[in-house]
PDB file of N, CA and C in Angstrom:
ATOM      1  N   MET A   1      26.272 -32.590  71.615  1.00  0.00           N
ATOM      2  CA  MET A   1      26.310 -33.745  70.905  1.00  0.00           C
ATOM      3  C   MET A   1      27.643 -33.904  70.270  1.00  0.00           C
ATOM      4  N   PHE A   2      28.195 -35.108  70.147  1.00  0.00           N
ATOM      5  CA  PHE A   2      29.368 -35.288  69.388  1.00  0.00           C
ATOM      6  C   PHE A   2      29.270 -36.125  68.179  1.00  0.00           C
ATOM      7  N   PRO A   3      30.133 -35.746  67.204  1.00  0.00           N
ATOM      8  CA  PRO A   3      29.943 -36.151  65.820  1.00  0.00           C
ATOM      9  C   PRO A   3      29.620 -37.960  65.867  1.00  0.00           C
ATOM     10  N   ARG A   4      28.881 -38.309  65.031  1.00  0.00           N
ATOM     11  CA  ARG A   4      28.789 -39.914  64.915  1.00  0.00           C
ATOM     12  C   ARG A   4      29.543 -40.353  63.713  1.00  0.00           C
ATOM     13  N   THR A   5      30.111 -41.451  63.738  1.00  0.00           N
ATOM     14  CA  THR A   5      30.868 -41.933  62.689  1.00  0.00           C
ATOM     15  C   THR A   5      29.731 -42.952  61.895  1.00  0.00           C
ATOM     16  N   ARG A   6      30.014 -43.178  60.848  1.00  0.00           N
ATOM     17  CA  ARG A   6      29.204 -44.187  59.985  1.00  0.00           C
ATOM     18  C   ARG A   6      28.937 -45.529  60.729  1.00  0.00           C
ATOM     19  N   ILE A   7      30.176 -46.043  61.412  1.00  0.00           N
ATOM     20  CA  ILE A   7      29.922 -47.282  62.182  1.00  0.00           C
ATOM     21  C   ILE A   7      29.111 -47.072  63.460  1.00  0.00           C
ATOM     22  N   ASP A   8      29.001 -45.905  64.196  1.00  0.00           N
ATOM     23  CA  ASP A   8      28.159 -45.624  65.177  1.00  0.00           C
ATOM     24  C   ASP A   8      26.610 -45.633  64.779  1.00  0.00           C
ATOM     25  N   VAL A   9      26.457 -44.973  63.629  1.00  0.00           N
ATOM     26  CA  VAL A   9      25.074 -44.994  62.918  1.00  0.00           C
ATOM     27  C   VAL A   9      24.569 -46.420  62.639  1.00  0.00           C
ATOM     28  N   VAL A  10      25.314 -47.220  62.022  1.00  0.00           N
ATOM     29  CA  VAL A  10      25.158 -48.659  61.534  1.00  0.00           C
ATOM     30  C   VAL A  10      24.793 -49.428  62.876  1.00  0.00           C
ATOM     31  N   SER A  11      25.708 -49.273  63.741  1.00  0.00           N
ATOM     32  CA  SER A  11      25.502 -50.034  65.218  1.00  0.00           C
ATOM     33  C   SER A  11      24.076 -49.621  65.852  1.00  0.00           C
ATOM     34  N   ARG A  12      23.667 -48.329  65.772  1.00  0.00           N
ATOM     35  CA  ARG A  12      22.313 -47.861  66.299  1.00  0.00           C
ATOM     36  C   ARG A  12      21.221 -48.528  65.641  1.00  0.00           C
ATOM     37  N   ILE A  13      21.343 -48.615  64.111  1.00  0.00           N
ATOM     38  CA  ILE A  13      20.316 -49.108  63.536  1.00  0.00           C
ATOM     39  C   ILE A  13      20.262 -50.754  63.862  1.00  0.00           C
ATOM     40  N   LEU A  14      21.310 -51.381  63.572  1.00  0.00           N
ATOM     41  CA  LEU A  14      21.271 -52.833  63.916  1.00  0.00           C
ATOM     42  C   LEU A  14      20.725 -53.090  65.290  1.00  0.00           C
ATOM     43  N   GLU A  15      21.045 -52.196  66.421  1.00  0.00           N
ATOM     44  CA  GLU A  15      20.412 -52.584  67.711  1.00  0.00           C
ATOM     45  C   GLU A  15      18.960 -52.168  67.557  1.00  0.00           C
ATOM     46  N   ALA A  16      18.440 -51.140  66.862  1.00  0.00           N
ATOM     47  CA  ALA A  16      16.937 -50.860  67.004  1.00  0.00           C
ATOM     48  C   ALA A  16      16.445 -51.906  66.360  1.00  0.00           C
ATOM     49  N   ALA A  17      16.821 -52.716  65.389  1.00  0.00           N
ATOM     50  CA  ALA A  17      16.304 -53.686  64.603  1.00  0.00           C
ATOM     51  C   ALA A  17      16.530 -55.112  65.097  1.00  0.00           C
ATOM     52  N   ASN A  18      17.037 -55.158  66.176  1.00  0.00           N
ATOM     53  CA  ASN A  18      17.361 -56.541  66.931  1.00  0.00           C
ATOM     54  C   ASN A  18      16.245 -57.545  67.025  1.00  0.00           C
ATOM     55  N   SER A  19      15.023 -56.941  67.419  1.00  0.00           N
ATOM     56  CA  SER A  19      13.753 -57.843  67.576  1.00  0.00           C
ATOM     57  C   SER A  19      12.893 -57.512  66.513  1.00  0.00           C
ATOM     58  N   GLY A  20      13.252 -56.578  65.518  1.00  0.00           N
ATOM     59  CA  GLY A  20      12.402 -56.164  64.552  1.00  0.00           C
ATOM     60  C   GLY A  20      11.871 -54.704  64.854  1.00  0.00           C
ATOM     61  N   ALA A  21      11.722 -53.935  63.641  1.00  0.00           N
ATOM     62  CA  ALA A  21      11.536 -52.578  63.870  1.00  0.00           C
ATOM     63  C   ALA A  21      10.938 -51.962  62.584  1.00  0.00           C
ATOM     64  N   THR A  22      10.100 -51.124  62.750  1.00  0.00           N
ATOM     65  CA  THR A  22       9.548 -50.442  61.585  1.00  0.00           C
ATOM     66  C   THR A  22      10.672 -49.257  61.222  1.00  0.00           C
ATOM     67  N   ARG A  23      10.463 -48.737  59.971  1.00  0.00           N
ATOM     68  CA  ARG A  23      11.159 -47.627  59.632  1.00  0.00           C
ATOM     69  C   ARG A  23      11.149 -46.361  60.695  1.00  0.00           C
ATOM     70  N   ILE A  24       9.858 -46.053  61.260  1.00  0.00           N
ATOM     71  CA  ILE A  24       9.493 -44.997  62.193  1.00  0.00           C
ATOM     72  C   ILE A  24      10.464 -45.284  63.323  1.00  0.00           C
ATOM     73  N   LYS A  25      10.359 -46.584  63.915  1.00  0.00           N
ATOM     74  CA  LYS A  25      11.108 -46.780  65.183  1.00  0.00           C
ATOM     75  C   LYS A  25      12.582 -46.555  64.875  1.00  0.00           C
ATOM     76  N   ILE A  26      13.026 -47.025  63.721  1.00  0.00           N
ATOM     77  CA  ILE A  26      14.443 -46.795  63.621  1.00  0.00           C
ATOM     78  C   ILE A  26      14.732 -45.344  63.475  1.00  0.00           C
ATOM     79  N   LEU A  27      13.930 -44.493  62.939  1.00  0.00           N
ATOM     80  CA  LEU A  27      14.005 -43.054  62.688  1.00  0.00           C
ATOM     81  C   LEU A  27      14.326 -42.502  64.200  1.00  0.00           C
ATOM     82  N   ASP A  28      13.218 -42.831  64.916  1.00  0.00           N
ATOM     83  CA  ASP A  28      13.211 -42.383  66.427  1.00  0.00           C
ATOM     84  C   ASP A  28      14.503 -42.602  67.172  1.00  0.00           C
ATOM     85  N   MET A  29      14.924 -43.857  66.866  1.00  0.00           N
ATOM     86  CA  MET A  29      16.254 -44.156  67.755  1.00  0.00           C
ATOM     87  C   MET A  29      17.475 -43.696  67.189  1.00  0.00           C
ATOM     88  N   THR A  30      17.493 -43.294  65.966  1.00  0.00           N
ATOM     89  CA  THR A  30      18.923 -42.821  65.213  1.00  0.00           C
ATOM     90  C   THR A  30      18.923 -41.631  64.965  1.00  0.00           C
ATOM     91  N   PHE A  31      17.853 -40.705  65.063  1.00  0.00           N
ATOM     92  CA  PHE A  31      17.853 -39.392  64.727  1.00  0.00           C
ATOM     93  C   PHE A  31      18.358 -38.826  63.505  1.00  0.00           C
ATOM     94  N   LEU A  32      18.246 -39.706  62.581  1.00  0.00           N
ATOM     95  CA  LEU A  32      18.683 -39.519  61.177  1.00  0.00           C
ATOM     96  C   LEU A  32      17.414 -38.657  60.389  1.00  0.00           C
ATOM     97  N   SER A  33      17.742 -38.150  59.273  1.00  0.00           N
ATOM     98  CA  SER A  33      16.475 -37.651  58.408  1.00  0.00           C
ATOM     99  C   SER A  33      16.172 -38.849  57.627  1.00  0.00           C
ATOM    100  N   HIS A  34      14.933 -38.738  57.127  1.00  0.00           N
ATOM    101  CA  HIS A  34      14.430 -39.930  56.275  1.00  0.00           C
ATOM    102  C   HIS A  34      15.226 -40.238  54.905  1.00  0.00           C
ATOM    103  N   VAL A  35      15.952 -39.351  54.462  1.00  0.00           N
ATOM    104  CA  VAL A  35      16.862 -39.679  53.133  1.00  0.00           C
ATOM    105  C   VAL A  35      18.146 -40.440  53.673  1.00  0.00           C
ATOM    106  N   GLN A  36      18.692 -40.007  54.792  1.00  0.00           N
ATOM    107  CA  GLN A  36      19.866 -40.589  55.382  1.00  0.00           C
ATOM    108  C   GLN A  36      19.479 -41.973  55.720  1.00  0.00           C
ATOM    109  N   LEU A  37      18.321 -42.145  56.371  1.00  0.00           N
ATOM    110  CA  LEU A  37      18.064 -43.523  56.878  1.00  0.00           C
ATOM    111  C   LEU A  37      17.715 -44.472  55.615  1.00  0.00           C
ATOM    112  N   LYS A  38      17.081 -43.902  54.783  1.00  0.00           N
ATOM    113  CA  LYS A  38      16.931 -44.869  53.464  1.00  0.00           C
ATOM    114  C   LYS A  38      18.090 -45.246  52.791  1.00  0.00           C
ATOM    115  N   GLU A  39      19.151 -44.354  52.808  1.00  0.00           N
ATOM    116  CA  GLU A  39      20.436 -44.795  52.273  1.00  0.00           C
ATOM    117  C   GLU A  39      21.295 -45.841  53.167  1.00  0.00           C
ATOM    118  N   TYR A  40      21.023 -45.673  54.421  1.00  0.00           N
ATOM    119  CA  TYR A  40      21.668 -46.755  55.238  1.00  0.00           C
ATOM    120  C   TYR A  40      20.815 -48.014  55.323  1.00  0.00           C
ATOM    121  N   LEU A  41      19.593 -47.963  55.301  1.00  0.00           N
ATOM    122  CA  LEU A  41      18.840 -49.360  55.241  1.00  0.00           C
ATOM    123  C   LEU A  41      19.182 -49.944  53.838  1.00  0.00           C
ATOM    124  N   ALA A  42      19.079 -49.369  52.915  1.00  0.00           N
ATOM    125  CA  ALA A  42      19.560 -50.121  51.567  1.00  0.00           C
ATOM    126  C   ALA A  42      20.940 -50.534  51.609  1.00  0.00           C
ATOM    127  N   MET A  43      21.793 -49.928  52.157  1.00  0.00           N
ATOM    128  CA  MET A  43      23.226 -50.330  52.201  1.00  0.00           C
ATOM    129  C   MET A  43      23.192 -51.552  52.997  1.00  0.00           C
ATOM    130  N   LEU A  44      22.677 -51.514  54.330  1.00  0.00           N
ATOM    131  CA  LEU A  44      22.673 -52.735  55.204  1.00  0.00           C
ATOM    132  C   LEU A  44      21.876 -53.969  54.598  1.00  0.00           C
ATOM    133  N   VAL A  45      20.825 -53.773  53.991  1.00  0.00           N
ATOM    134  CA  VAL A  45      20.117 -54.835  53.470  1.00  0.00           C
ATOM    135  C   VAL A  45      20.990 -55.523  52.220  1.00  0.00           C
ATOM    136  N   ASP A  46      21.629 -54.544  51.472  1.00  0.00           N
ATOM    137  CA  ASP A  46      22.578 -55.111  50.411  1.00  0.00           C
ATOM    138  C   ASP A  46      23.564 -55.983  50.839  1.00  0.00           C
ATOM    139  N   ASN A  47      24.219 -55.544  52.074  1.00  0.00           N
ATOM    140  CA  ASN A  47      25.265 -56.287  52.683  1.00  0.00           C
ATOM    141  C   ASN A  47      24.961 -57.421  53.468  1.00  0.00           C
ATOM    142  N   GLY A  48      23.670 -57.638  53.735  1.00  0.00           N
ATOM    143  CA  GLY A  48      23.210 -58.733  54.419  1.00  0.00           C
ATOM    144  C   GLY A  48      23.152 -58.501  56.110  1.00  0.00           C
ATOM    145  N   LEU A  49      23.253 -57.286  56.523  1.00  0.00           N
ATOM    146  CA  LEU A  49      23.245 -57.025  57.828  1.00  0.00           C
ATOM    147  C   LEU A  49      21.752 -57.029  58.444  1.00  0.00           C
ATOM    148  N   LEU A  50      20.794 -56.595  57.508  1.00  0.00           N
ATOM    149  CA  LEU A  50      19.385 -56.400  57.822  1.00  0.00           C
ATOM    150  C   LEU A  50      18.742 -57.164  56.845  1.00  0.00           C
ATOM    151  N   ASP A  51      17.604 -57.705  57.472  1.00  0.00           N
ATOM    152  CA  ASP A  51      16.280 -58.238  56.450  1.00  0.00           C
ATOM    153  C   ASP A  51      15.169 -57.396  56.596  1.00  0.00           C
ATOM    154  N   TYR A  52      14.644 -57.184  55.261  1.00  0.00           N
ATOM    155  CA  TYR A  52      13.342 -56.558  55.344  1.00  0.00           C
ATOM    156  C   TYR A  52      12.104 -57.493  55.258  1.00  0.00           C
ATOM    157  N   GLU A  53      11.236 -57.501  56.156  1.00  0.00           N
ATOM    158  CA  GLU A  53      10.050 -58.381  56.054  1.00  0.00           C
ATOM    159  C   GLU A  53       9.184 -57.504  55.356  1.00  0.00           C
ATOM    160  N   LEU A  54       8.641 -57.948  54.120  1.00  0.00           N
ATOM    161  CA  LEU A  54       7.742 -57.149  53.338  1.00  0.00           C
ATOM    162  C   LEU A  54       6.360 -57.227  53.770  1.00  0.00           C
ATOM    163  N   GLU A  55       5.910 -58.354  54.199  1.00  0.00           N
ATOM    164  CA  GLU A  55       4.406 -58.529  54.527  1.00  0.00           C
ATOM    165  C   GLU A  55       4.185 -57.741  55.927  1.00  0.00           C
ATOM    166  N   GLU A  56       5.181 -57.809  57.030  1.00  0.00           N
ATOM    167  CA  GLU A  56       5.146 -57.218  57.960  1.00  0.00           C
ATOM    168  C   GLU A  56       5.597 -55.603  58.083  1.00  0.00           C
ATOM    169  N   GLN A  57       6.315 -55.372  56.913  1.00  0.00           N
ATOM    170  CA  GLN A  57       6.960 -53.963  56.787  1.00  0.00           C
ATOM    171  C   GLN A  57       7.936 -53.707  57.953  1.00  0.00           C
ATOM    172  N   PHE A  58       8.672 -54.419  58.343  1.00  0.00           N
ATOM    173  CA  PHE A  58       9.731 -54.054  59.477  1.00  0.00           C
ATOM    174  C   PHE A  58      11.092 -54.690  59.042  1.00  0.00           C
ATOM    175  N   TYR A  59      12.109 -54.202  59.757  1.00  0.00           N
ATOM    176  CA  TYR A  59      13.448 -54.704  59.459  1.00  0.00           C
ATOM    177  C   TYR A  59      13.807 -55.567  60.671  1.00  0.00           C
ATOM    178  N   ARG A  60      14.789 -56.495  60.410  1.00  0.00           N
ATOM    179  CA  ARG A  60      15.229 -57.300  61.540  1.00  0.00           C
ATOM    180  C   ARG A  60      16.725 -57.486  61.276  1.00  0.00           C
ATOM    181  N   THR A  61      17.463 -57.549  62.301  1.00  0.00           N
ATOM    182  CA  THR A  61      18.998 -57.843  62.206  1.00  0.00           C
ATOM    183  C   THR A  61      19.324 -59.197  61.923  1.00  0.00           C
ATOM    184  N   THR A  62      20.002 -59.387  60.949  1.00  0.00           N
ATOM    185  CA  THR A  62      20.575 -60.804  60.547  1.00  0.00           C
ATOM    186  C   THR A  62      21.631 -61.329  61.435  1.00  0.00           C
ATOM    187  N   GLU A  63      21.947 -62.626  61.431  1.00  0.00           N
ATOM    188  CA  GLU A  63      22.950 -63.208  62.116  1.00  0.00           C
ATOM    189  C   GLU A  63      24.335 -62.420  61.930  1.00  0.00           C
ATOM    190  N   SER A  64      24.590 -61.960  60.606  1.00  0.00           N
ATOM    191  CA  SER A  64      25.686 -61.277  60.428  1.00  0.00           C
ATOM    192  C   SER A  64      25.807 -59.842  61.004  1.00  0.00           C
ATOM    193  N   GLY A  65      24.618 -59.359  61.172  1.00  0.00           N
ATOM    194  CA  GLY A  65      24.338 -58.012  61.820  1.00  0.00           C
ATOM    195  C   GLY A  65      24.710 -58.277  63.303  1.00  0.00           C
ATOM    196  N   HIS A  66      24.305 -59.334  63.791  1.00  0.00           N
ATOM    197  CA  HIS A  66      24.620 -59.679  65.332  1.00  0.00           C
ATOM    198  C   HIS A  66      26.047 -59.667  65.473  1.00  0.00           C
ATOM    199  N   ARG A  67      26.778 -60.392  64.541  1.00  0.00           N
ATOM    200  CA  ARG A  67      28.237 -60.610  64.549  1.00  0.00           C
ATOM    201  C   ARG A  67      29.070 -59.182  64.620  1.00  0.00           C
ATOM    202  N   PHE A  68      28.303 -58.249  63.819  1.00  0.00           N
ATOM    203  CA  PHE A  68      28.973 -57.023  63.589  1.00  0.00           C
ATOM    204  C   PHE A  68      28.916 -56.247  64.887  1.00  0.00           C
ATOM    205  N   LEU A  69      27.583 -56.238  65.591  1.00  0.00           N
ATOM    206  CA  LEU A  69      27.511 -55.688  66.828  1.00  0.00           C
ATOM    207  C   LEU A  69      28.246 -56.270  67.987  1.00  0.00           C
ATOM    208  N   GLN A  70      28.524 -57.735  67.898  1.00  0.00           N
ATOM    209  CA  GLN A  70      29.515 -58.058  68.904  1.00  0.00           C
ATOM    210  C   GLN A  70      30.981 -57.629  68.717  1.00  0.00           C
ATOM    211  N   MET A  71      31.433 -57.530  67.229  1.00  0.00           N
ATOM    212  CA  MET A  71      32.610 -56.977  67.205  1.00  0.00           C
ATOM    213  C   MET A  71      32.923 -55.337  67.567  1.00  0.00           C
ATOM    214  N   TYR A  72      31.754 -54.641  67.237  1.00  0.00           N
ATOM    215  CA  TYR A  72      31.586 -53.302  67.467  1.00  0.00           C
ATOM    216  C   TYR A  72      31.863 -53.060  68.981  1.00  0.00           C
ATOM    217  N   ALA A  73      30.988 -53.933  69.759  1.00  0.00           N
ATOM    218  CA  ALA A  73      31.021 -53.798  71.254  1.00  0.00           C
ATOM    219  C   ALA A  73      32.383 -54.113  71.833  1.00  0.00           C
ATOM    220  N   THR A  74      33.152 -54.886  71.329  1.00  0.00           N
ATOM    221  CA  THR A  74      34.541 -55.170  71.842  1.00  0.00           C
ATOM    222  C   THR A  74      35.634 -54.210  71.529  1.00  0.00           C
ATOM    223  N   ASP A  75      35.312 -53.167  70.642  1.00  0.00           N
ATOM    224  CA  ASP A  75      36.252 -52.096  70.308  1.00  0.00           C
ATOM    225  C   ASP A  75      36.245 -51.095  71.475  1.00  0.00           C
TER     226      ASP A  75
END
């Protein structure tokens, strides 16, 4: 396996949360530790790329997150 950049990890998280995802689903898709994922999720929510739905307890990619994924895909 090759080393992943932070941008690669962010894009995997945003892709996993496209249609809504629990923390467990995102963990399964990104192969991060719980501590690493917690840091990434906090950073992405703080920067407006992810929303956290408290009642449903899942994350969803925001419109800004979708734009990030479009830019990432064109690189």
